[in-house]
Amino acid sequence: MTEKPDRLTKLQQQHAKIAAQIAYNASRKKADSRKEETRLKIIVGASILSDMKAGKTAAALVRDVLNRALTTERDKDLVRKAGLL
């Protein structure tokens, strides 16, 4: 009968280890997703800024979007400082 508690303890330890691995992998996946989203924003933003500086037609559209999307004065001031509004 001493075998059952040892087996139960071993299974509980395995369960805890697997639960920790699941939590770690879930957090890594979430972090990787955030990194990808940030990278995408940087790439798209840099492309649009480059197009605007070259005087292409995107400038008017981007200014309209920025005027609608920016809600805080802090953000508006930064965009104005950059000469995009």
Protein backbone atom coordinates (compact mmCIF):
# COMPACT_ATOMS: atom_id res chain seq x y z
CA MET A 1 0.00 0.00 0.00
CA THR A 2 2.92 2.38 0.38
CA GLU A 3 3.28 2.24 -3.38
CA LYS A 4 0.04 4.16 -4.05
CA PRO A 5 0.96 7.39 -2.22
CA ASP A 6 4.36 7.38 -3.93
CA ARG A 7 2.73 6.93 -7.32
CA LEU A 8 0.18 9.63 -6.53
CA THR A 9 2.92 12.00 -5.42
CA LYS A 10 4.89 11.26 -8.58
CA LEU A 11 1.84 11.90 -10.77
CA GLN A 12 1.11 15.16 -8.94
CA GLN A 13 4.70 16.27 -9.52
CA GLN A 14 4.43 15.40 -13.20
CA HIS A 15 1.14 17.28 -13.40
CA ALA A 16 2.72 20.36 -11.81
CA LYS A 17 5.69 20.15 -14.19
CA ILE A 18 3.43 19.85 -17.24
CA ALA A 19 1.22 22.71 -16.02
CA ALA A 20 4.32 24.90 -15.66
CA GLN A 21 5.46 23.99 -19.18
CA ILE A 22 2.02 24.82 -20.57
CA ALA A 23 2.03 28.19 -18.81
CA TYR A 24 5.55 28.96 -20.05
CA ASN A 25 4.74 28.02 -23.65
CA ALA A 26 1.52 30.04 -23.57
CA SER A 27 3.36 33.11 -22.32
CA ARG A 28 6.08 32.69 -24.97
CA LYS A 29 3.46 32.41 -27.69
CA LYS A 30 1.76 35.57 -26.44
CA ALA A 31 5.09 37.43 -26.27
CA ASP A 32 6.03 36.29 -29.78
CA SER A 33 2.66 37.46 -31.07
CA ARG A 34 3.18 40.90 -29.50
CA LYS A 35 6.66 41.11 -31.03
CA GLU A 36 5.29 40.24 -34.48
CA GLU A 37 2.54 42.84 -34.16
CA THR A 38 5.06 45.48 -33.10
CA ARG A 39 7.35 44.58 -36.01
CA LEU A 40 4.43 44.82 -38.42
CA LYS A 41 3.51 48.26 -37.08
CA ILE A 42 7.10 49.44 -37.50
CA ILE A 43 7.37 48.12 -41.05
CA VAL A 44 4.03 49.59 -42.14
CA GLY A 45 4.70 52.88 -40.38
CA ALA A 46 8.18 53.23 -41.86
CA SER A 47 6.84 52.48 -45.33
CA ILE A 48 4.12 55.09 -45.03
CA LEU A 49 6.53 57.69 -43.61
CA SER A 50 8.93 57.05 -46.48
CA ASP A 51 6.12 57.46 -48.98
CA MET A 52 5.00 60.70 -47.33
CA LYS A 53 8.52 62.15 -47.34
CA ALA A 54 8.84 61.33 -51.02
CA GLY A 55 5.75 63.42 -51.65
CA LYS A 56 3.59 60.56 -52.83
CA THR A 57 -0.18 60.57 -52.66
CA ALA A 58 -0.37 58.74 -49.33
CA ALA A 59 0.36 61.95 -47.38
CA ALA A 60 -3.18 63.36 -47.57
CA LEU A 61 -4.75 60.04 -46.68
CA VAL A 62 -2.41 59.50 -43.73
CA ARG A 63 -3.08 63.01 -42.41
CA ASP A 64 -6.82 62.34 -42.54
CA VAL A 65 -6.38 59.05 -40.70
CA LEU A 66 -4.13 60.65 -38.08
CA ASN A 67 -6.62 63.45 -37.50
CA ARG A 68 -9.34 60.88 -36.85
CA ALA A 69 -7.26 58.37 -34.92
CA LEU A 70 -5.19 60.50 -32.57
CA THR A 71 -7.10 61.15 -29.38
CA THR A 72 -4.58 62.47 -26.88
CA GLU A 73 -2.87 65.84 -27.08
CA ARG A 74 0.43 64.17 -26.28
CA ASP A 75 0.16 62.02 -29.40
CA LYS A 76 -1.03 64.92 -31.54
CA ASP A 77 1.87 67.09 -30.35
CA LEU A 78 4.39 64.39 -31.22
CA VAL A 79 2.95 63.91 -34.70
CA ARG A 80 2.86 67.70 -35.26
CA LYS A 81 6.49 67.94 -34.07
CA ALA A 82 7.40 65.35 -36.71
CA GLY A 83 5.63 67.49 -39.32
CA LEU A 84 3.02 64.90 -40.15
CA LEU A 85 -0.04 66.98 -39.24
